[in-house]
Amino acid sequence: MGLLKRQDIQEVNINAEKLSGLSQTLFEYHDKLDRFQLKTICALVYDLAAEIHAWTEKEEEIVMGLEEENRNG
């Protein structure tokens, strides 16, 4: 197995902040947004959530690989 290195968490933190902001916008203004605006914000929320999920999946693989390397010496 190749050299495994932990990922930088800064990018996922930024995406989480964006996701939080979009969620707050949806909560506060859902009754004032038109259909297009709602669909656009929802699409952005789904995209950010998918990026965060992909990051955590990759990080989990890296951590498990590092733990396996530590066990095997």
PDB file of N, CA and C in Angstrom:
ATOM      1  N   MET A   1       0.839  -1.173   0.000  1.00  0.00           N
ATOM      2  CA  MET A   1       0.000   0.000   0.000  1.00  0.00           C
ATOM      3  C   MET A   1       0.884   1.237   0.000  1.00  0.00           C
ATOM      4  N   GLY A   2       0.492   2.263  -0.744  1.00  0.00           N
ATOM      5  CA  GLY A   2       1.273   3.487  -0.838  1.00  0.00           C
ATOM      6  C   GLY A   2       1.219   4.298   0.442  1.00  0.00           C
ATOM      7  N   LEU A   3       2.017   5.331   0.469  1.00  0.00           N
ATOM      8  CA  LEU A   3       2.070   6.217   1.621  1.00  0.00           C
ATOM      9  C   LEU A   3       0.732   6.929   1.779  1.00  0.00           C
ATOM     10  N   LEU A   4       0.111   6.765   2.928  1.00  0.00           N
ATOM     11  CA  LEU A   4      -1.167   7.409   3.210  1.00  0.00           C
ATOM     12  C   LEU A   4      -0.927   8.659   4.038  1.00  0.00           C
ATOM     13  N   LYS A   5      -1.632   9.729   3.705  1.00  0.00           N
ATOM     14  CA  LYS A   5      -1.482  10.983   4.424  1.00  0.00           C
ATOM     15  C   LYS A   5      -2.865  11.537   4.723  1.00  0.00           C
ATOM     16  N   ARG A   6      -3.055  12.005   5.942  1.00  0.00           N
ATOM     17  CA  ARG A   6      -4.340  12.576   6.333  1.00  0.00           C
ATOM     18  C   ARG A   6      -4.654  13.798   5.478  1.00  0.00           C
ATOM     19  N   GLN A   7      -5.939  14.017   5.251  1.00  0.00           N
ATOM     20  CA  GLN A   7      -6.400  15.136   4.440  1.00  0.00           C
ATOM     21  C   GLN A   7      -6.449  16.417   5.276  1.00  0.00           C
ATOM     22  N   ASP A   8      -6.396  17.551   4.596  1.00  0.00           N
ATOM     23  CA  ASP A   8      -6.552  18.843   5.246  1.00  0.00           C
ATOM     24  C   ASP A   8      -8.037  19.062   5.521  1.00  0.00           C
ATOM     25  N   ILE A   9      -8.362  19.383   6.747  1.00  0.00           N
ATOM     26  CA  ILE A   9      -9.766  19.534   7.121  1.00  0.00           C
ATOM     27  C   ILE A   9     -10.307  20.921   6.778  1.00  0.00           C
ATOM     28  N   GLN A  10      -9.450  21.860   6.408  1.00  0.00           N
ATOM     29  CA  GLN A  10      -9.896  23.229   6.145  1.00  0.00           C
ATOM     30  C   GLN A  10     -10.974  23.284   5.067  1.00  0.00           C
ATOM     31  N   GLU A  11     -10.802  22.533   3.995  1.00  0.00           N
ATOM     32  CA  GLU A  11     -11.784  22.556   2.904  1.00  0.00           C
ATOM     33  C   GLU A  11     -13.148  22.057   3.373  1.00  0.00           C
ATOM     34  N   VAL A  12     -13.166  21.009   4.159  1.00  0.00           N
ATOM     35  CA  VAL A  12     -14.447  20.490   4.644  1.00  0.00           C
ATOM     36  C   VAL A  12     -15.077  21.453   5.649  1.00  0.00           C
ATOM     37  N   ASN A  13     -14.273  22.156   6.425  1.00  0.00           N
ATOM     38  CA  ASN A  13     -14.810  23.169   7.339  1.00  0.00           C
ATOM     39  C   ASN A  13     -15.475  24.304   6.573  1.00  0.00           C
ATOM     40  N   ILE A  14     -14.840  24.745   5.494  1.00  0.00           N
ATOM     41  CA  ILE A  14     -15.416  25.803   4.656  1.00  0.00           C
ATOM     42  C   ILE A  14     -16.739  25.339   4.055  1.00  0.00           C
ATOM     43  N   ASN A  15     -16.770  24.114   3.541  1.00  0.00           N
ATOM     44  CA  ASN A  15     -18.009  23.580   2.972  1.00  0.00           C
ATOM     45  C   ASN A  15     -19.099  23.447   4.031  1.00  0.00           C
ATOM     46  N   ALA A  16     -18.731  23.061   5.238  1.00  0.00           N
ATOM     47  CA  ALA A  16     -19.715  22.950   6.318  1.00  0.00           C
ATOM     48  C   ALA A  16     -20.287  24.327   6.669  1.00  0.00           C
ATOM     49  N   GLU A  17     -19.442  25.358   6.652  1.00  0.00           N
ATOM     50  CA  GLU A  17     -19.918  26.716   6.907  1.00  0.00           C
ATOM     51  C   GLU A  17     -20.871  27.171   5.805  1.00  0.00           C
ATOM     52  N   LYS A  18     -20.533  26.855   4.550  1.00  0.00           N
ATOM     53  CA  LYS A  18     -21.422  27.194   3.435  1.00  0.00           C
ATOM     54  C   LYS A  18     -22.755  26.472   3.576  1.00  0.00           C
ATOM     55  N   LEU A  19     -22.696  25.202   3.919  1.00  0.00           N
ATOM     56  CA  LEU A  19     -23.907  24.397   4.094  1.00  0.00           C
ATOM     57  C   LEU A  19     -24.779  24.975   5.210  1.00  0.00           C
ATOM     58  N   SER A  20     -24.154  25.369   6.285  1.00  0.00           N
ATOM     59  CA  SER A  20     -24.882  25.972   7.396  1.00  0.00           C
ATOM     60  C   SER A  20     -25.559  27.271   6.964  1.00  0.00           C
ATOM     61  N   GLY A  21     -24.841  28.097   6.223  1.00  0.00           N
ATOM     62  CA  GLY A  21     -25.407  29.362   5.746  1.00  0.00           C
ATOM     63  C   GLY A  21     -26.581  29.157   4.810  1.00  0.00           C
ATOM     64  N   LEU A  22     -26.443  28.204   3.896  1.00  0.00           N
ATOM     65  CA  LEU A  22     -27.538  27.920   2.971  1.00  0.00           C
ATOM     66  C   LEU A  22     -28.751  27.350   3.706  1.00  0.00           C
ATOM     67  N   SER A  23     -28.503  26.497   4.673  1.00  0.00           N
ATOM     68  CA  SER A  23     -29.605  25.928   5.458  1.00  0.00           C
ATOM     69  C   SER A  23     -30.331  27.015   6.240  1.00  0.00           C
ATOM     70  N   GLN A  24     -29.569  27.930   6.804  1.00  0.00           N
ATOM     71  CA  GLN A  24     -30.165  29.040   7.545  1.00  0.00           C
ATOM     72  C   GLN A  24     -30.982  29.924   6.606  1.00  0.00           C
ATOM     73  N   THR A  25     -30.460  30.175   5.404  1.00  0.00           N
ATOM     74  CA  THR A  25     -31.191  30.964   4.415  1.00  0.00           C
ATOM     75  C   THR A  25     -32.510  30.296   4.062  1.00  0.00           C
ATOM     76  N   LEU A  26     -32.474  28.987   3.837  1.00  0.00           N
ATOM     77  CA  LEU A  26     -33.709  28.254   3.543  1.00  0.00           C
ATOM     78  C   LEU A  26     -34.710  28.377   4.688  1.00  0.00           C
ATOM     79  N   PHE A  27     -34.223  28.227   5.899  1.00  0.00           N
ATOM     80  CA  PHE A  27     -35.110  28.297   7.058  1.00  0.00           C
ATOM     81  C   PHE A  27     -35.727  29.683   7.208  1.00  0.00           C
ATOM     82  N   GLU A  28     -34.905  30.721   7.059  1.00  0.00           N
ATOM     83  CA  GLU A  28     -35.365  32.090   7.297  1.00  0.00           C
ATOM     84  C   GLU A  28     -36.235  32.643   6.170  1.00  0.00           C
ATOM     85  N   TYR A  29     -35.914  32.281   4.921  1.00  0.00           N
ATOM     86  CA  TYR A  29     -36.546  32.949   3.783  1.00  0.00           C
ATOM     87  C   TYR A  29     -37.348  32.030   2.875  1.00  0.00           C
ATOM     88  N   HIS A  30     -37.631  30.798   3.293  1.00  0.00           N
ATOM     89  CA  HIS A  30     -38.301  29.854   2.400  1.00  0.00           C
ATOM     90  C   HIS A  30     -39.624  30.388   1.855  1.00  0.00           C
ATOM     91  N   ASP A  31     -40.326  31.183   2.641  1.00  0.00           N
ATOM     92  CA  ASP A  31     -41.614  31.705   2.185  1.00  0.00           C
ATOM     93  C   ASP A  31     -41.482  32.916   1.258  1.00  0.00           C
ATOM     94  N   LYS A  32     -40.275  33.482   1.177  1.00  0.00           N
ATOM     95  CA  LYS A  32     -40.058  34.655   0.328  1.00  0.00           C
ATOM     96  C   LYS A  32     -39.323  34.327  -0.971  1.00  0.00           C
ATOM     97  N   LEU A  33     -38.826  33.107  -1.092  1.00  0.00           N
ATOM     98  CA  LEU A  33     -38.067  32.697  -2.272  1.00  0.00           C
ATOM     99  C   LEU A  33     -39.002  32.094  -3.310  1.00  0.00           C
ATOM    100  N   ASP A  34     -38.682  32.365  -4.582  1.00  0.00           N
ATOM    101  CA  ASP A  34     -39.484  31.737  -5.633  1.00  0.00           C
ATOM    102  C   ASP A  34     -38.984  30.312  -5.869  1.00  0.00           C
ATOM    103  N   ARG A  35     -39.699  29.592  -6.701  1.00  0.00           N
ATOM    104  CA  ARG A  35     -39.403  28.177  -6.959  1.00  0.00           C
ATOM    105  C   ARG A  35     -37.975  27.978  -7.473  1.00  0.00           C
ATOM    106  N   PHE A  36     -37.541  28.831  -8.404  1.00  0.00           N
ATOM    107  CA  PHE A  36     -36.193  28.718  -8.963  1.00  0.00           C
ATOM    108  C   PHE A  36     -35.138  28.926  -7.877  1.00  0.00           C
ATOM    109  N   GLN A  37     -35.327  29.936  -7.032  1.00  0.00           N
ATOM    110  CA  GLN A  37     -34.371  30.202  -5.960  1.00  0.00           C
ATOM    111  C   GLN A  37     -34.308  29.034  -4.976  1.00  0.00           C
ATOM    112  N   LEU A  38     -35.464  28.490  -4.631  1.00  0.00           N
ATOM    113  CA  LEU A  38     -35.488  27.339  -3.723  1.00  0.00           C
ATOM    114  C   LEU A  38     -34.768  26.136  -4.318  1.00  0.00           C
ATOM    115  N   LYS A  39     -35.045  25.859  -5.594  1.00  0.00           N
ATOM    116  CA  LYS A  39     -34.401  24.717  -6.243  1.00  0.00           C
ATOM    117  C   LYS A  39     -32.894  24.924  -6.338  1.00  0.00           C
ATOM    118  N   THR A  40     -32.463  26.151  -6.611  1.00  0.00           N
ATOM    119  CA  THR A  40     -31.033  26.453  -6.710  1.00  0.00           C
ATOM    120  C   THR A  40     -30.344  26.268  -5.362  1.00  0.00           C
ATOM    121  N   ILE A  41     -30.946  26.797  -4.311  1.00  0.00           N
ATOM    122  CA  ILE A  41     -30.355  26.646  -2.979  1.00  0.00           C
ATOM    123  C   ILE A  41     -30.328  25.179  -2.564  1.00  0.00           C
ATOM    124  N   CYS A  42     -31.398  24.457  -2.839  1.00  0.00           N
ATOM    125  CA  CYS A  42     -31.428  23.020  -2.512  1.00  0.00           C
ATOM    126  C   CYS A  42     -30.345  22.259  -3.272  1.00  0.00           C
ATOM    127  N   ALA A  43     -30.140  22.603  -4.536  1.00  0.00           N
ATOM    128  CA  ALA A  43     -29.092  21.946  -5.322  1.00  0.00           C
ATOM    129  C   ALA A  43     -27.720  22.218  -4.722  1.00  0.00           C
ATOM    130  N   LEU A  44     -27.480  23.457  -4.293  1.00  0.00           N
ATOM    131  CA  LEU A  44     -26.206  23.790  -3.648  1.00  0.00           C
ATOM    132  C   LEU A  44     -26.040  23.022  -2.342  1.00  0.00           C
ATOM    133  N   VAL A  45     -27.103  22.912  -1.571  1.00  0.00           N
ATOM    134  CA  VAL A  45     -27.060  22.153  -0.316  1.00  0.00           C
ATOM    135  C   VAL A  45     -26.702  20.696  -0.589  1.00  0.00           C
ATOM    136  N   TYR A  46     -27.359  20.093  -1.572  1.00  0.00           N
ATOM    137  CA  TYR A  46     -27.069  18.694  -1.912  1.00  0.00           C
ATOM    138  C   TYR A  46     -25.620  18.522  -2.375  1.00  0.00           C
ATOM    139  N   ASP A  47     -25.125  19.454  -3.198  1.00  0.00           N
ATOM    140  CA  ASP A  47     -23.744  19.370  -3.685  1.00  0.00           C
ATOM    141  C   ASP A  47     -22.740  19.469  -2.541  1.00  0.00           C
ATOM    142  N   LEU A  48     -22.949  20.427  -1.645  1.00  0.00           N
ATOM    143  CA  LEU A  48     -22.039  20.580  -0.513  1.00  0.00           C
ATOM    144  C   LEU A  48     -22.089  19.366   0.409  1.00  0.00           C
ATOM    145  N   ALA A  49     -23.278  18.858   0.655  1.00  0.00           N
ATOM    146  CA  ALA A  49     -23.406  17.662   1.498  1.00  0.00           C
ATOM    147  C   ALA A  49     -22.685  16.477   0.865  1.00  0.00           C
ATOM    148  N   ALA A  50     -22.787  16.345  -0.449  1.00  0.00           N
ATOM    149  CA  ALA A  50     -22.103  15.249  -1.146  1.00  0.00           C
ATOM    150  C   ALA A  50     -20.590  15.405  -1.046  1.00  0.00           C
ATOM    151  N   GLU A  51     -20.086  16.641  -1.168  1.00  0.00           N
ATOM    152  CA  GLU A  51     -18.642  16.876  -1.043  1.00  0.00           C
ATOM    153  C   GLU A  51     -18.157  16.524   0.360  1.00  0.00           C
ATOM    154  N   ILE A  52     -18.913  16.925   1.369  1.00  0.00           N
ATOM    155  CA  ILE A  52     -18.538  16.610   2.750  1.00  0.00           C
ATOM    156  C   ILE A  52     -18.561  15.102   2.975  1.00  0.00           C
ATOM    157  N   HIS A  53     -19.579  14.437   2.457  1.00  0.00           N
ATOM    158  CA  HIS A  53     -19.672  12.985   2.595  1.00  0.00           C
ATOM    159  C   HIS A  53     -18.491  12.292   1.907  1.00  0.00           C
ATOM    160  N   ALA A  54     -18.152  12.735   0.704  1.00  0.00           N
ATOM    161  CA  ALA A  54     -17.024  12.141  -0.020  1.00  0.00           C
ATOM    162  C   ALA A  54     -15.726  12.339   0.765  1.00  0.00           C
ATOM    163  N   TRP A  55     -15.552  13.517   1.347  1.00  0.00           N
ATOM    164  CA  TRP A  55     -14.356  13.799   2.132  1.00  0.00           C
ATOM    165  C   TRP A  55     -14.278  12.854   3.323  1.00  0.00           C
ATOM    166  N   THR A  56     -15.396  12.684   4.034  1.00  0.00           N
ATOM    167  CA  THR A  56     -15.365  11.827   5.218  1.00  0.00           C
ATOM    168  C   THR A  56     -15.130  10.367   4.849  1.00  0.00           C
ATOM    169  N   GLU A  57     -15.687   9.927   3.731  1.00  0.00           N
ATOM    170  CA  GLU A  57     -15.452   8.549   3.272  1.00  0.00           C
ATOM    171  C   GLU A  57     -13.967   8.335   2.969  1.00  0.00           C
ATOM    172  N   LYS A  58     -13.366   9.291   2.268  1.00  0.00           N
ATOM    173  CA  LYS A  58     -11.946   9.178   1.921  1.00  0.00           C
ATOM    174  C   LYS A  58     -11.088   9.218   3.184  1.00  0.00           C
ATOM    175  N   GLU A  59     -11.439  10.111   4.099  1.00  0.00           N
ATOM    176  CA  GLU A  59     -10.680  10.221   5.344  1.00  0.00           C
ATOM    177  C   GLU A  59     -10.775   8.927   6.150  1.00  0.00           C
ATOM    178  N   GLU A  60     -11.949   8.331   6.178  1.00  0.00           N
ATOM    179  CA  GLU A  60     -12.118   7.066   6.894  1.00  0.00           C
ATOM    180  C   GLU A  60     -11.231   5.978   6.293  1.00  0.00           C
ATOM    181  N   GLU A  61     -11.154   5.922   4.969  1.00  0.00           N
ATOM    182  CA  GLU A  61     -10.277   4.947   4.308  1.00  0.00           C
ATOM    183  C   GLU A  61      -8.821   5.190   4.676  1.00  0.00           C
ATOM    184  N   ILE A  62      -8.419   6.456   4.695  1.00  0.00           N
ATOM    185  CA  ILE A  62      -7.034   6.796   5.035  1.00  0.00           C
ATOM    186  C   ILE A  62      -6.725   6.385   6.471  1.00  0.00           C
ATOM    187  N   VAL A  63      -7.611   6.733   7.392  1.00  0.00           N
ATOM    188  CA  VAL A  63      -7.389   6.410   8.807  1.00  0.00           C
ATOM    189  C   VAL A  63      -7.331   4.901   9.014  1.00  0.00           C
ATOM    190  N   MET A  64      -8.238   4.186   8.379  1.00  0.00           N
ATOM    191  CA  MET A  64      -8.223   2.727   8.514  1.00  0.00           C
ATOM    192  C   MET A  64      -6.939   2.142   7.931  1.00  0.00           C
ATOM    193  N   GLY A  65      -6.469   2.682   6.823  1.00  0.00           N
ATOM    194  CA  GLY A  65      -5.218   2.225   6.231  1.00  0.00           C
ATOM    195  C   GLY A  65      -4.030   2.502   7.134  1.00  0.00           C
ATOM    196  N   LEU A  66      -4.009   3.680   7.744  1.00  0.00           N
ATOM    197  CA  LEU A  66      -2.924   4.023   8.669  1.00  0.00           C
ATOM    198  C   LEU A  66      -2.950   3.127   9.905  1.00  0.00           C
ATOM    199  N   GLU A  67      -4.134   2.851  10.413  1.00  0.00           N
ATOM    200  CA  GLU A  67      -4.239   1.947  11.563  1.00  0.00           C
ATOM    201  C   GLU A  67      -3.759   0.546  11.202  1.00  0.00           C
ATOM    202  N   GLU A  68      -4.095   0.096  10.019  1.00  0.00           N
ATOM    203  CA  GLU A  68      -3.648  -1.225   9.554  1.00  0.00           C
ATOM    204  C   GLU A  68      -2.122  -1.262   9.434  1.00  0.00           C
ATOM    205  N   GLU A  69      -1.536  -0.193   8.889  1.00  0.00           N
ATOM    206  CA  GLU A  69      -0.075  -0.120   8.776  1.00  0.00           C
ATOM    207  C   GLU A  69       0.574  -0.147  10.154  1.00  0.00           C
ATOM    208  N   ASN A  70      -0.017   0.563  11.118  1.00  0.00           N
ATOM    209  CA  ASN A  70       0.530   0.580  12.478  1.00  0.00           C
ATOM    210  C   ASN A  70       0.458  -0.798  13.124  1.00  0.00           C
ATOM    211  N   ARG A  71      -0.612  -1.527  12.881  1.00  0.00           N
ATOM    212  CA  ARG A  71      -0.742  -2.880  13.443  1.00  0.00           C
ATOM    213  C   ARG A  71       0.264  -3.842  12.819  1.00  0.00           C
ATOM    214  N   ASN A  72       0.509  -3.663  11.530  1.00  0.00           N
ATOM    215  CA  ASN A  72       1.412  -4.568  10.816  1.00  0.00           C
ATOM    216  C   ASN A  72       2.874  -4.157  10.919  1.00  0.00           C
ATOM    217  N   GLY A  73       3.114  -3.009  11.500  1.00  0.00           N
ATOM    218  CA  GLY A  73       4.494  -2.580  11.705  1.00  0.00           C
ATOM    219  C   GLY A  73       4.985  -1.850  10.575  1.00  0.00           C
TER     220      GLY A  73
END
